[in-house]
C-alpha atoms as a PDB file:
ATOM      1  CA  MET A   1      77.481 136.092  76.497  1.00  0.00           C
ATOM      2  CA  SER A   2      74.372 137.013  74.607  1.00  0.00           C
ATOM      3  CA  VAL A   3      73.110 134.913  71.752  1.00  0.00           C
ATOM      4  CA  LYS A   4      74.133 137.662  69.187  1.00  0.00           C
ATOM      5  CA  LEU A   5      77.631 137.905  70.505  1.00  0.00           C
ATOM      6  CA  ARG A   6      78.021 134.078  70.398  1.00  0.00           C
ATOM      7  CA  ALA A   7      76.665 134.234  66.840  1.00  0.00           C
ATOM      8  CA  VAL A   8      79.220 136.895  65.708  1.00  0.00           C
ATOM      9  CA  PHE A   9      81.865 135.144  67.406  1.00  0.00           C
ATOM     10  CA  LEU A  10      81.086 131.827  65.722  1.00  0.00           C
ATOM     11  CA  ALA A  11      80.537 133.417  62.340  1.00  0.00           C
ATOM     12  CA  GLY A  12      83.642 135.450  62.477  1.00  0.00           C
ATOM     13  CA  VAL A  13      85.914 132.600  63.623  1.00  0.00           C
ATOM     14  CA  CYS A  14      84.343 130.194  61.199  1.00  0.00           C
ATOM     15  CA  ALA A  15      84.779 132.725  58.286  1.00  0.00           C
ATOM     16  CA  GLY A  16      88.311 133.524  59.336  1.00  0.00           C
ATOM     17  CA  VAL A  17      89.306 129.908  59.242  1.00  0.00           C
ATOM     18  CA  VAL A  18      87.422 128.954  56.055  1.00  0.00           C
ATOM     19  CA  SER A  19      88.822 132.041  54.166  1.00  0.00           C
ATOM     20  CA  THR A  20      92.305 131.208  55.285  1.00  0.00           C
ATOM     21  CA  LEU A  21      92.139 127.597  54.268  1.00  0.00           C
ATOM     22  CA  ALA A  22      90.574 128.654  50.890  1.00  0.00           C
ATOM     23  CA  GLN A  23      93.513 131.126  50.419  1.00  0.00           C
ATOM     24  CA  LEU A  24      95.995 128.475  51.110  1.00  0.00           C
ATOM     25  CA  LEU A  25      94.355 126.050  48.757  1.00  0.00           C
ATOM     26  CA  LEU A  26      94.090 128.603  45.934  1.00  0.00           C
ATOM     27  CA  TRP A  27      97.765 129.686  46.231  1.00  0.00           C
ATOM     28  CA  TRP A  28      98.704 125.987  46.186  1.00  0.00           C
ATOM     29  CA  LEU A  29      96.456 125.306  43.101  1.00  0.00           C
ATOM     30  CA  SER A  30      97.944 128.189  41.321  1.00  0.00           C
ATOM     31  CA  GLY A  31     101.418 126.886  41.852  1.00  0.00           C
ATOM     32  CA  GLN A  32     102.471 129.528  44.356  1.00  0.00           C
ATOM     33  CA  ASP A  33     104.408 128.844  47.479  1.00  0.00           C
ATOM     34  CA  ALA A  34     101.487 128.878  49.920  1.00  0.00           C
ATOM     35  CA  LEU A  35     103.589 128.791  53.191  1.00  0.00           C
ATOM     36  CA  LEU A  36     105.759 131.691  51.978  1.00  0.00           C
ATOM     37  CA  LEU A  37     102.812 133.710  51.164  1.00  0.00           C
ATOM     38  CA  LEU A  38     101.047 132.957  54.478  1.00  0.00           C
ATOM     39  CA  LEU A  39     104.130 134.104  56.374  1.00  0.00           C
ATOM     40  CA  ARG A  40     104.251 137.219  54.182  1.00  0.00           C
ATOM     41  CA  ASP A  41     100.617 138.014  54.902  1.00  0.00           C
ATOM     42  CA  ALA A  42     101.153 137.268  58.565  1.00  0.00           C
ATOM     43  CA  ARG A  43     103.828 139.901  58.550  1.00  0.00           C
ATOM     44  CA  LEU A  44     101.600 142.351  56.563  1.00  0.00           C
ATOM     45  CA  THR A  45      98.942 141.958  59.208  1.00  0.00           C
ATOM     46  CA  ALA A  46     101.094 141.894  62.227  1.00  0.00           C
ATOM     47  CA  ALA A  47     102.742 145.137  61.248  1.00  0.00           C
ATOM     48  CA  LEU A  48      99.355 146.861  62.159  1.00  0.00           C
ATOM     49  CA  LEU A  49     100.202 146.121  65.760  1.00  0.00           C
ATOM     50  CA  LEU A  50     103.898 145.507  65.898  1.00  0.00           C
ATOM     51  CA  GLY A  51     105.064 148.227  63.435  1.00  0.00           C
ATOM     52  CA  SER A  52     106.611 148.140  60.012  1.00  0.00           C
ATOM     53  CA  ALA A  53     109.890 146.650  61.502  1.00  0.00           C
ATOM     54  CA  VAL A  54     108.299 143.211  61.050  1.00  0.00           C
ATOM     55  CA  LEU A  55     107.949 143.748  57.262  1.00  0.00           C
ATOM     56  CA  PRO A  56     111.454 143.187  55.819  1.00  0.00           C
ATOM     57  CA  PRO A  57     112.115 139.732  54.148  1.00  0.00           C
ATOM     58  CA  PRO A  58     112.640 137.025  54.606  1.00  0.00           C
ATOM     59  CA  ALA A  59     109.138 136.024  55.471  1.00  0.00           C
ATOM     60  CA  THR A  60     110.153 133.396  58.050  1.00  0.00           C
ATOM     61  CA  PHE A  61     108.168 131.991  61.015  1.00  0.00           C
ATOM     62  CA  ASP A  62     108.107 134.216  63.991  1.00  0.00           C
ATOM     63  CA  ILE A  63     105.812 133.241  66.970  1.00  0.00           C
ATOM     64  CA  HIS A  64     105.236 136.968  67.859  1.00  0.00           C
ATOM     65  CA  VAL A  65     104.330 137.873  64.350  1.00  0.00           C
ATOM     66  CA  MET A  66     102.009 134.813  64.016  1.00  0.00           C
ATOM     67  CA  LEU A  67     100.370 135.452  67.334  1.00  0.00           C
ATOM     68  CA  ALA A  68      99.784 139.248  66.467  1.00  0.00           C
ATOM     69  CA  ALA A  69      98.543 138.424  63.029  1.00  0.00           C
ATOM     70  CA  THR A  70      96.144 135.713  64.247  1.00  0.00           C
ATOM     71  CA  ALA A  71      94.637 138.059  66.964  1.00  0.00           C
ATOM     72  CA  ILE A  72      94.187 140.736  64.370  1.00  0.00           C
ATOM     73  CA  HIS A  73      92.656 138.467  61.731  1.00  0.00           C
ATOM     74  CA  PHE A  74      90.007 137.027  64.122  1.00  0.00           C
ATOM     75  CA  MET A  75      89.387 140.368  65.770  1.00  0.00           C
ATOM     76  CA  LEU A  76      88.654 141.873  62.272  1.00  0.00           C
ATOM     77  CA  SER A  77      86.763 138.696  61.185  1.00  0.00           C
ATOM     78  CA  MET A  78      84.461 139.085  64.165  1.00  0.00           C
ATOM     79  CA  LEU A  79      84.020 142.841  63.617  1.00  0.00           C
ATOM     80  CA  TYR A  80      83.179 142.312  59.973  1.00  0.00           C
ATOM     81  CA  ALA A  81      80.856 139.425  60.954  1.00  0.00           C
ATOM     82  CA  ALA A  82      79.019 141.862  63.227  1.00  0.00           C
ATOM     83  CA  VAL A  83      78.338 144.182  60.326  1.00  0.00           C
ATOM     84  CA  LEU A  84      76.438 141.327  58.544  1.00  0.00           C
ATOM     85  CA  LEU A  85      74.477 140.391  61.523  1.00  0.00           C
ATOM     86  CA  PRO A  86      71.342 142.630  60.790  1.00  0.00           C
ATOM     87  CA  LEU A  87      71.184 140.851  57.404  1.00  0.00           C
ATOM     88  CA  GLU A  88      71.224 137.253  58.620  1.00  0.00           C
ATOM     89  CA  ARG A  89      67.582 136.582  58.150  1.00  0.00           C
ATOM     90  CA  THR A  90      67.445 136.786  54.339  1.00  0.00           C
ATOM     91  CA  SER A  91      66.877 133.933  51.914  1.00  0.00           C
ATOM     92  CA  LEU A  92      69.530 131.646  50.887  1.00  0.00           C
ATOM     93  CA  ALA A  93      70.069 133.306  47.543  1.00  0.00           C
ATOM     94  CA  SER A  94      70.095 136.725  49.180  1.00  0.00           C
ATOM     95  CA  SER A  95      72.557 135.620  51.732  1.00  0.00           C
ATOM     96  CA  LEU A  96      74.958 134.308  49.063  1.00  0.00           C
ATOM     97  CA  PHE A  97      74.642 137.496  47.254  1.00  0.00           C
ATOM     98  CA  ILE A  98      74.973 139.741  50.239  1.00  0.00           C
ATOM     99  CA  GLY A  99      78.022 137.728  51.476  1.00  0.00           C
ATOM    100  CA  THR A 100      79.725 137.953  48.042  1.00  0.00           C
ATOM    101  CA  ALA A 101      78.867 141.651  47.727  1.00  0.00           C
ATOM    102  CA  PHE A 102      80.252 142.265  51.145  1.00  0.00           C
ATOM    103  CA  GLY A 103      83.393 140.360  50.642  1.00  0.00           C
ATOM    104  CA  VAL A 104      84.148 142.180  47.400  1.00  0.00           C
ATOM    105  CA  ALA A 105      83.513 145.476  49.086  1.00  0.00           C
ATOM    106  CA  LEU A 106      85.720 144.511  51.989  1.00  0.00           C
ATOM    107  CA  TYR A 107      88.467 143.619  49.585  1.00  0.00           C
ATOM    108  CA  PHE A 108      88.397 147.052  48.044  1.00  0.00           C
ATOM    109  CA  LEU A 109      88.199 148.659  51.475  1.00  0.00           C
ATOM    110  CA  ASN A 110      91.021 146.619  52.817  1.00  0.00           C
ATOM    111  CA  LEU A 111      93.439 146.290  49.801  1.00  0.00           C
ATOM    112  CA  HIS A 112      92.768 149.664  48.094  1.00  0.00           C
ATOM    113  CA  GLY A 113      91.429 151.907  50.768  1.00  0.00           C
ATOM    114  CA  PHE A 114      93.441 151.161  53.724  1.00  0.00           C
ATOM    115  CA  THR A 115      96.617 150.991  51.708  1.00  0.00           C
ATOM    116  CA  ALA A 116      96.565 154.874  51.926  1.00  0.00           C
ATOM    117  CA  ILE A 117      97.408 154.339  55.624  1.00  0.00           C
ATOM    118  CA  PHE A 118      99.112 150.974  55.542  1.00  0.00           C
ATOM    119  CA  PRO A 119     100.838 150.857  52.081  1.00  0.00           C
ATOM    120  CA  TRP A 120     102.392 147.618  52.502  1.00  0.00           C
ATOM    121  CA  PHE A 121      99.120 145.761  51.927  1.00  0.00           C
ATOM    122  CA  ALA A 122      99.251 146.646  48.226  1.00  0.00           C
ATOM    123  CA  GLU A 123     101.423 143.576  47.575  1.00  0.00           C
ATOM    124  CA  ALA A 124      98.650 141.371  48.751  1.00  0.00           C
ATOM    125  CA  ARG A 125      96.282 142.494  45.976  1.00  0.00           C
ATOM    126  CA  GLY A 126      95.106 140.030  43.368  1.00  0.00           C
ATOM    127  CA  GLY A 127      92.382 137.781  42.262  1.00  0.00           C
ATOM    128  CA  ILE A 128      93.042 135.094  44.926  1.00  0.00           C
ATOM    129  CA  THR A 129      92.746 137.701  47.659  1.00  0.00           C
ATOM    130  CA  LEU A 130      89.551 139.016  46.084  1.00  0.00           C
ATOM    131  CA  ALA A 131      88.115 135.595  45.873  1.00  0.00           C
ATOM    132  CA  VAL A 132      88.958 134.743  49.446  1.00  0.00           C
ATOM    133  CA  HIS A 133      87.206 137.977  50.680  1.00  0.00           C
ATOM    134  CA  ALA A 134      84.075 136.860  48.859  1.00  0.00           C
ATOM    135  CA  VAL A 135      84.374 133.399  50.545  1.00  0.00           C
ATOM    136  CA  PHE A 136      84.778 135.247  53.857  1.00  0.00           C
ATOM    137  CA  GLY A 137      81.408 137.076  53.262  1.00  0.00           C
ATOM    138  CA  ILE A 138      79.619 133.877  52.058  1.00  0.00           C
ATOM    139  CA  THR A 139      80.881 131.885  55.034  1.00  0.00           C
ATOM    140  CA  VAL A 140      79.704 134.515  57.483  1.00  0.00           C
ATOM    141  CA  MET A 141      76.263 134.512  56.071  1.00  0.00           C
ATOM    142  CA  LEU A 142      76.120 130.678  55.990  1.00  0.00           C
ATOM    143  CA  ALA A 143      77.247 130.489  59.521  1.00  0.00           C
ATOM    144  CA  TYR A 144      74.422 132.706  60.520  1.00  0.00           C
ATOM    145  CA  ARG A 145      72.043 130.802  58.585  1.00  0.00           C
ATOM    146  CA  TYR A 146      73.009 127.179  59.549  1.00  0.00           C
ATOM    147  CA  SER A 147      74.630 127.422  62.984  1.00  0.00           C
ATOM    148  CA  GLY A 148      71.211 127.394  64.776  1.00  0.00           C
ATOM    149  CA  ILE A 149      72.416 130.014  67.330  1.00  0.00           C
ATOM    150  CA  LEU A 150      70.023 132.596  66.055  1.00  0.00           C
ATOM    151  CA  ARG A 151      67.111 130.384  65.475  1.00  0.00           C
END
């Protein structure tokens, strides 16, 4: 595997994990049921692959839903990390700005643009989801900067 592919893999997986943990923490801190929302979002994501039949409540644990959602989450995380790769050699301040701006743009693309095709994602809109997308972009840029793979 090439150095750039390893960097994209690492940054995507790292940002996917960090953003998910941040989302769980923010849901919990806001008094929401983090597990219920995680299971809901897993169903929203898995429906991209498994179809809308997985959407109806209750949002219970289903191994097929979780595996599909996890695969989609990390594939998209790596794809989005690859978009930022050409910008990885910026200063720390620029990296933080670019990561934040990318995450915010990604939020609007995912939660407002793609809902024209996948309307079920509209229920995941909100401040926490917006913040977590910014965390994702920042984490990608920091992973590129500090992983040492590209240096």
